Amino acid sequence: MSFIIPVFRQQLMLPSSIDDYDYVSADNFVRVIDAFIDKVLKENL
């Protein structure tokens, strides 16, 4: 009888800040989104 070999499912660990990514430039639009989300989160606290 054969069986299916299980797949290793380790969770992906991402940095907590986009500043930790080396490949996100200072003028990348994702920084605008990040600043907007930070502002919304701070207003809701």
PDB file of N, CA and C in Angstrom:
ATOM      1  N   MET A   1       0.852  -1.176   0.000  1.00  0.00           N
ATOM      2  CA  MET A   1       0.000   0.000   0.000  1.00  0.00           C
ATOM      3  C   MET A   1       0.899   1.242   0.000  1.00  0.00           C
ATOM      4  N   SER A   2       0.579   2.201  -0.842  1.00  0.00           N
ATOM      5  CA  SER A   2       1.377   3.419  -0.902  1.00  0.00           C
ATOM      6  C   SER A   2       0.707   4.531  -0.094  1.00  0.00           C
ATOM      7  N   PHE A   3       1.465   5.533   0.219  1.00  0.00           N
ATOM      8  CA  PHE A   3       0.928   6.666   0.973  1.00  0.00           C
ATOM      9  C   PHE A   3       1.502   7.960   0.404  1.00  0.00           C
ATOM     10  N   ILE A   4       0.860   9.068   0.732  1.00  0.00           N
ATOM     11  CA  ILE A   4       1.302  10.377   0.268  1.00  0.00           C
ATOM     12  C   ILE A   4       2.328  10.921   1.251  1.00  0.00           C
ATOM     13  N   ILE A   5       3.446  11.364   0.731  1.00  0.00           N
ATOM     14  CA  ILE A   5       4.478  11.949   1.578  1.00  0.00           C
ATOM     15  C   ILE A   5       4.011  13.342   2.006  1.00  0.00           C
ATOM     16  N   PRO A   6       4.014  13.645   3.302  1.00  0.00           N
ATOM     17  CA  PRO A   6       3.533  14.954   3.757  1.00  0.00           C
ATOM     18  C   PRO A   6       4.446  16.097   3.304  1.00  0.00           C
ATOM     19  N   VAL A   7       3.852  17.257   3.165  1.00  0.00           N
ATOM     20  CA  VAL A   7       4.577  18.457   2.756  1.00  0.00           C
ATOM     21  C   VAL A   7       4.955  19.240   4.008  1.00  0.00           C
ATOM     22  N   PHE A   8       6.197  19.700   4.062  1.00  0.00           N
ATOM     23  CA  PHE A   8       6.652  20.507   5.181  1.00  0.00           C
ATOM     24  C   PHE A   8       5.962  21.866   5.104  1.00  0.00           C
ATOM     25  N   ARG A   9       5.261  22.291   6.138  1.00  0.00           N
ATOM     26  CA  ARG A   9       4.468  23.514   6.126  1.00  0.00           C
ATOM     27  C   ARG A   9       4.909  24.482   7.218  1.00  0.00           C
ATOM     28  N   GLN A  10       6.134  24.920   7.152  1.00  0.00           N
ATOM     29  CA  GLN A  10       6.624  25.906   8.103  1.00  0.00           C
ATOM     30  C   GLN A  10       6.093  27.283   7.699  1.00  0.00           C
ATOM     31  N   GLN A  11       5.641  28.057   8.677  1.00  0.00           N
ATOM     32  CA  GLN A  11       5.100  29.370   8.372  1.00  0.00           C
ATOM     33  C   GLN A  11       6.204  30.312   7.937  1.00  0.00           C
ATOM     34  N   LEU A  12       5.848  31.186   7.021  1.00  0.00           N
ATOM     35  CA  LEU A  12       6.782  32.178   6.512  1.00  0.00           C
ATOM     36  C   LEU A  12       6.898  33.317   7.511  1.00  0.00           C
ATOM     37  N   MET A  13       8.102  33.655   7.897  1.00  0.00           N
ATOM     38  CA  MET A  13       8.329  34.737   8.848  1.00  0.00           C
ATOM     39  C   MET A  13       8.703  35.994   8.072  1.00  0.00           C
ATOM     40  N   LEU A  14       7.887  37.036   8.181  1.00  0.00           N
ATOM     41  CA  LEU A  14       8.139  38.282   7.484  1.00  0.00           C
ATOM     42  C   LEU A  14       8.576  39.357   8.468  1.00  0.00           C
ATOM     43  N   PRO A  15       9.395  40.287   8.022  1.00  0.00           N
ATOM     44  CA  PRO A  15       9.785  41.400   8.902  1.00  0.00           C
ATOM     45  C   PRO A  15       8.564  42.225   9.292  1.00  0.00           C
ATOM     46  N   SER A  16       8.613  42.867  10.432  1.00  0.00           N
ATOM     47  CA  SER A  16       7.467  43.634  10.924  1.00  0.00           C
ATOM     48  C   SER A  16       7.365  45.008  10.273  1.00  0.00           C
ATOM     49  N   SER A  17       8.384  45.419   9.554  1.00  0.00           N
ATOM     50  CA  SER A  17       8.392  46.741   8.943  1.00  0.00           C
ATOM     51  C   SER A  17       8.952  46.645   7.529  1.00  0.00           C
ATOM     52  N   ILE A  18       8.425  47.505   6.630  1.00  0.00           N
ATOM     53  CA  ILE A  18       8.972  47.478   5.269  1.00  0.00           C
ATOM     54  C   ILE A  18      10.380  48.048   5.219  1.00  0.00           C
ATOM     55  N   ASP A  19      10.777  48.743   6.271  1.00  0.00           N
ATOM     56  CA  ASP A  19      12.145  49.250   6.321  1.00  0.00           C
ATOM     57  C   ASP A  19      13.152  48.119   6.440  1.00  0.00           C
ATOM     58  N   ASP A  20      12.688  46.950   6.889  1.00  0.00           N
ATOM     59  CA  ASP A  20      13.574  45.788   7.014  1.00  0.00           C
ATOM     60  C   ASP A  20      13.830  45.105   5.669  1.00  0.00           C
ATOM     61  N   TYR A  21      13.040  45.453   4.648  1.00  0.00           N
ATOM     62  CA  TYR A  21      13.240  44.896   3.307  1.00  0.00           C
ATOM     63  C   TYR A  21      14.288  45.730   2.591  1.00  0.00           C
ATOM     64  N   ASP A  22      15.294  45.098   2.055  1.00  0.00           N
ATOM     65  CA  ASP A  22      16.359  45.812   1.355  1.00  0.00           C
ATOM     66  C   ASP A  22      15.930  46.252  -0.044  1.00  0.00           C
ATOM     67  N   TYR A  23      14.947  45.576  -0.625  1.00  0.00           N
ATOM     68  CA  TYR A  23      14.598  45.839  -2.012  1.00  0.00           C
ATOM     69  C   TYR A  23      13.451  46.836  -2.193  1.00  0.00           C
ATOM     70  N   VAL A  24      12.922  47.435  -1.119  1.00  0.00           N
ATOM     71  CA  VAL A  24      11.876  48.449  -1.222  1.00  0.00           C
ATOM     72  C   VAL A  24      12.553  49.817  -1.180  1.00  0.00           C
ATOM     73  N   SER A  25      12.523  50.499  -2.324  1.00  0.00           N
ATOM     74  CA  SER A  25      13.202  51.796  -2.410  1.00  0.00           C
ATOM     75  C   SER A  25      12.430  52.866  -1.646  1.00  0.00           C
ATOM     76  N   ALA A  26      13.086  53.979  -1.387  1.00  0.00           N
ATOM     77  CA  ALA A  26      12.485  55.064  -0.606  1.00  0.00           C
ATOM     78  C   ALA A  26      11.312  55.722  -1.326  1.00  0.00           C
ATOM     79  N   ASP A  27      11.281  55.665  -2.653  1.00  0.00           N
ATOM     80  CA  ASP A  27      10.194  56.287  -3.398  1.00  0.00           C
ATOM     81  C   ASP A  27       9.149  55.285  -3.891  1.00  0.00           C
ATOM     82  N   ASN A  28       9.139  54.101  -3.334  1.00  0.00           N
ATOM     83  CA  ASN A  28       8.170  53.078  -3.712  1.00  0.00           C
ATOM     84  C   ASN A  28       6.795  53.416  -3.150  1.00  0.00           C
ATOM     85  N   PHE A  29       5.737  53.185  -3.950  1.00  0.00           N
ATOM     86  CA  PHE A  29       4.375  53.521  -3.546  1.00  0.00           C
ATOM     87  C   PHE A  29       3.909  52.725  -2.322  1.00  0.00           C
ATOM     88  N   VAL A  30       4.500  51.593  -2.067  1.00  0.00           N
ATOM     89  CA  VAL A  30       4.095  50.790  -0.914  1.00  0.00           C
ATOM     90  C   VAL A  30       4.344  51.539   0.395  1.00  0.00           C
ATOM     91  N   ARG A  31       5.267  52.474   0.399  1.00  0.00           N
ATOM     92  CA  ARG A  31       5.530  53.284   1.596  1.00  0.00           C
ATOM     93  C   ARG A  31       4.357  54.220   1.895  1.00  0.00           C
ATOM     94  N   VAL A  32       3.649  54.690   0.861  1.00  0.00           N
ATOM     95  CA  VAL A  32       2.447  55.505   1.060  1.00  0.00           C
ATOM     96  C   VAL A  32       1.359  54.669   1.718  1.00  0.00           C
ATOM     97  N   ILE A  33       1.187  53.468   1.241  1.00  0.00           N
ATOM     98  CA  ILE A  33       0.186  52.565   1.812  1.00  0.00           C
ATOM     99  C   ILE A  33       0.536  52.250   3.264  1.00  0.00           C
ATOM    100  N   ASP A  34       1.798  51.987   3.532  1.00  0.00           N
ATOM    101  CA  ASP A  34       2.250  51.682   4.884  1.00  0.00           C
ATOM    102  C   ASP A  34       1.997  52.856   5.831  1.00  0.00           C
ATOM    103  N   ALA A  35       2.282  54.073   5.377  1.00  0.00           N
ATOM    104  CA  ALA A  35       2.055  55.259   6.210  1.00  0.00           C
ATOM    105  C   ALA A  35       0.564  55.463   6.472  1.00  0.00           C
ATOM    106  N   PHE A  36      -0.268  55.227   5.465  1.00  0.00           N
ATOM    107  CA  PHE A  36      -1.713  55.366   5.614  1.00  0.00           C
ATOM    108  C   PHE A  36      -2.256  54.361   6.639  1.00  0.00           C
ATOM    109  N   ILE A  37      -1.831  53.136   6.540  1.00  0.00           N
ATOM    110  CA  ILE A  37      -2.297  52.104   7.481  1.00  0.00           C
ATOM    111  C   ILE A  37      -1.826  52.417   8.894  1.00  0.00           C
ATOM    112  N   ASP A  38      -0.594  52.874   9.040  1.00  0.00           N
ATOM    113  CA  ASP A  38      -0.103  53.270  10.367  1.00  0.00           C
ATOM    114  C   ASP A  38      -0.954  54.378  10.959  1.00  0.00           C
ATOM    115  N   LYS A  39      -1.316  55.356  10.148  1.00  0.00           N
ATOM    116  CA  LYS A  39      -2.134  56.474  10.629  1.00  0.00           C
ATOM    117  C   LYS A  39      -3.520  55.994  11.047  1.00  0.00           C
ATOM    118  N   VAL A  40      -4.140  55.146  10.252  1.00  0.00           N
ATOM    119  CA  VAL A  40      -5.464  54.615  10.571  1.00  0.00           C
ATOM    120  C   VAL A  40      -5.423  53.804  11.869  1.00  0.00           C
ATOM    121  N   LEU A  41      -4.401  52.989  12.010  1.00  0.00           N
ATOM    122  CA  LEU A  41      -4.292  52.179  13.226  1.00  0.00           C
ATOM    123  C   LEU A  41      -4.084  53.042  14.464  1.00  0.00           C
ATOM    124  N   LYS A  42      -3.294  54.089  14.358  1.00  0.00           N
ATOM    125  CA  LYS A  42      -3.051  54.970  15.501  1.00  0.00           C
ATOM    126  C   LYS A  42      -4.294  55.759  15.882  1.00  0.00           C
ATOM    127  N   GLU A  43      -5.106  56.147  14.880  1.00  0.00           N
ATOM    128  CA  GLU A  43      -6.339  56.891  15.169  1.00  0.00           C
ATOM    129  C   GLU A  43      -7.373  56.009  15.856  1.00  0.00           C
ATOM    130  N   ASN A  44      -7.342  54.716  15.590  1.00  0.00           N
ATOM    131  CA  ASN A  44      -8.328  53.801  16.163  1.00  0.00           C
ATOM    132  C   ASN A  44      -7.939  53.295  17.551  1.00  0.00           C
ATOM    133  N   LEU A  45      -6.778  53.638  18.014  1.00  0.00           N
ATOM    134  CA  LEU A  45      -6.364  53.187  19.350  1.00  0.00           C
ATOM    135  C   LEU A  45      -6.854  54.181  20.318  1.00  0.00           C
TER     136      LEU A  45
END
